[in-house]
C-alpha atoms as a PDB file:
ATOM      1  CA  MET A   1     -59.719-145.842 -79.438  1.00  0.00           C
ATOM      2  CA  GLU A   2     -59.862-145.346 -83.192  1.00  0.00           C
ATOM      3  CA  ALA A   3     -56.283-146.596 -83.561  1.00  0.00           C
ATOM      4  CA  VAL A   4     -57.114-149.727 -81.559  1.00  0.00           C
ATOM      5  CA  LYS A   5     -60.178-150.437 -83.693  1.00  0.00           C
ATOM      6  CA  GLU A   6     -58.166-149.891 -86.888  1.00  0.00           C
ATOM      7  CA  MET A   7     -55.505-152.376 -85.752  1.00  0.00           C
ATOM      8  CA  VAL A   8     -58.231-154.955 -85.118  1.00  0.00           C
ATOM      9  CA  ARG A   9     -59.730-154.255 -88.571  1.00  0.00           C
ATOM     10  CA  LEU A  10     -56.273-154.816 -90.102  1.00  0.00           C
ATOM     11  CA  GLY A  11     -56.013-158.198 -88.405  1.00  0.00           C
ATOM     12  CA  LEU A  12     -53.245-157.168 -86.013  1.00  0.00           C
ATOM     13  CA  GLY A  13     -54.954-158.577 -82.943  1.00  0.00           C
ATOM     14  CA  LEU A  14     -58.006-158.128 -80.770  1.00  0.00           C
ATOM     15  CA  ALA A  15     -59.067-155.639 -78.134  1.00  0.00           C
ATOM     16  CA  VAL A  16     -61.158-155.647 -75.000  1.00  0.00           C
ATOM     17  CA  VAL A  17     -63.214-152.457 -75.205  1.00  0.00           C
ATOM     18  CA  PRO A  18     -66.554-151.226 -73.886  1.00  0.00           C
ATOM     19  CA  GLU A  19     -69.562-152.150 -75.992  1.00  0.00           C
ATOM     20  CA  TRP A  20     -70.394-148.499 -76.669  1.00  0.00           C
ATOM     21  CA  ALA A  21     -66.970-147.961 -78.243  1.00  0.00           C
ATOM     22  CA  VAL A  22     -67.621-150.421 -81.090  1.00  0.00           C
ATOM     23  CA  ARG A  23     -71.402-150.244 -81.400  1.00  0.00           C
ATOM     24  CA  ARG A  24     -71.238-148.481 -84.786  1.00  0.00           C
ATOM     25  CA  GLU A  25     -68.696-150.939 -86.231  1.00  0.00           C
ATOM     26  CA  VAL A  26     -70.577-153.985 -84.959  1.00  0.00           C
ATOM     27  CA  THR A  27     -73.814-152.664 -86.464  1.00  0.00           C
ATOM     28  CA  ALA A  28     -72.026-151.995 -89.779  1.00  0.00           C
ATOM     29  CA  GLY A  29     -70.469-155.451 -89.729  1.00  0.00           C
ATOM     30  CA  THR A  30     -66.867-154.223 -89.830  1.00  0.00           C
ATOM     31  CA  LEU A  31     -66.100-155.643 -86.373  1.00  0.00           C
ATOM     32  CA  ARG A  32     -67.612-158.510 -84.399  1.00  0.00           C
ATOM     33  CA  ALA A  33     -68.339-158.535 -80.674  1.00  0.00           C
ATOM     34  CA  VAL A  34     -67.542-161.667 -78.688  1.00  0.00           C
ATOM     35  CA  SER A  35     -69.148-162.297 -75.305  1.00  0.00           C
ATOM     36  CA  LEU A  36     -66.820-162.665 -72.336  1.00  0.00           C
ATOM     37  CA  GLY A  37     -69.286-164.787 -70.396  1.00  0.00           C
ATOM     38  CA  LYS A  38     -72.379-164.171 -68.331  1.00  0.00           C
ATOM     39  CA  ALA A  39     -70.838-161.652 -65.954  1.00  0.00           C
ATOM     40  CA  GLY A  40     -68.514-159.973 -68.430  1.00  0.00           C
ATOM     41  CA  LEU A  41     -65.677-157.980 -66.918  1.00  0.00           C
ATOM     42  CA  TRP A  42     -65.710-155.559 -64.019  1.00  0.00           C
ATOM     43  CA  ARG A  43     -63.514-152.593 -63.264  1.00  0.00           C
ATOM     44  CA  ALA A  44     -62.442-151.082 -59.961  1.00  0.00           C
ATOM     45  CA  TRP A  45     -62.391-147.281 -59.885  1.00  0.00           C
ATOM     46  CA  GLY A  46     -60.413-145.051 -57.588  1.00  0.00           C
ATOM     47  CA  LEU A  47     -59.698-141.405 -56.955  1.00  0.00           C
ATOM     48  CA  ALA A  48     -56.214-140.009 -56.400  1.00  0.00           C
ATOM     49  CA  CYS A  49     -55.254-136.683 -54.885  1.00  0.00           C
ATOM     50  CA  LEU A  50     -52.353-135.043 -53.131  1.00  0.00           C
ATOM     51  CA  GLU A  51     -52.034-135.879 -49.470  1.00  0.00           C
ATOM     52  CA  GLN A  52     -53.347-132.968 -47.414  1.00  0.00           C
ATOM     53  CA  GLN A  53     -53.873-132.230 -43.748  1.00  0.00           C
ATOM     54  CA  LEU A  54     -57.549-131.421 -44.326  1.00  0.00           C
ATOM     55  CA  PRO A  55     -59.351-132.144 -47.605  1.00  0.00           C
ATOM     56  CA  SER A  56     -60.811-129.011 -49.142  1.00  0.00           C
ATOM     57  CA  PRO A  57     -64.598-128.604 -49.301  1.00  0.00           C
ATOM     58  CA  ALA A  58     -64.369-128.995 -53.090  1.00  0.00           C
ATOM     59  CA  LEU A  59     -62.506-132.300 -52.766  1.00  0.00           C
ATOM     60  CA  ARG A  60     -64.992-133.605 -50.191  1.00  0.00           C
ATOM     61  CA  ALA A  61     -67.899-132.614 -52.470  1.00  0.00           C
ATOM     62  CA  PHE A  62     -66.280-134.319 -55.471  1.00  0.00           C
ATOM     63  CA  VAL A  63     -65.664-137.546 -53.525  1.00  0.00           C
ATOM     64  CA  ARG A  64     -69.268-137.487 -52.251  1.00  0.00           C
ATOM     65  CA  LEU A  65     -70.570-136.926 -55.795  1.00  0.00           C
ATOM     66  CA  CYS A  66     -68.517-139.816 -57.162  1.00  0.00           C
ATOM     67  CA  THR A  67     -69.500-142.144 -54.320  1.00  0.00           C
ATOM     68  CA  GLU A  68     -73.199-141.379 -54.714  1.00  0.00           C
ATOM     69  CA  HIS A  69     -73.547-141.270 -58.497  1.00  0.00           C
ATOM     70  CA  LEU A  70     -70.805-143.276 -60.211  1.00  0.00           C
ATOM     71  CA  PRO A  71     -71.952-146.741 -59.126  1.00  0.00           C
ATOM     72  CA  ARG A  72     -75.414-146.184 -60.663  1.00  0.00           C
ATOM     73  CA  ALA A  73     -74.001-144.522 -63.790  1.00  0.00           C
ATOM     74  CA  LEU A  74     -71.504-147.301 -64.415  1.00  0.00           C
ATOM     75  CA  ALA A  75     -74.100-150.014 -63.863  1.00  0.00           C
ATOM     76  CA  ALA A  76     -76.421-148.543 -66.522  1.00  0.00           C
END
């Protein structure tokens, strides 16, 4: 992320990054944030694992944890 921000500072382009990643630079005035519209951007998340006959209890617990908690965490 630091390399991306440095390239933007050097005038080599722009970057689409999360607000938290450039908060310090925007506050300091070294970078400027530009709104992408009312809704902003959204991201689809997925989980990948090896195909198995029966998912392990640990895998089932991890999937349940992600399903229950990630949507709220990402919306915050």
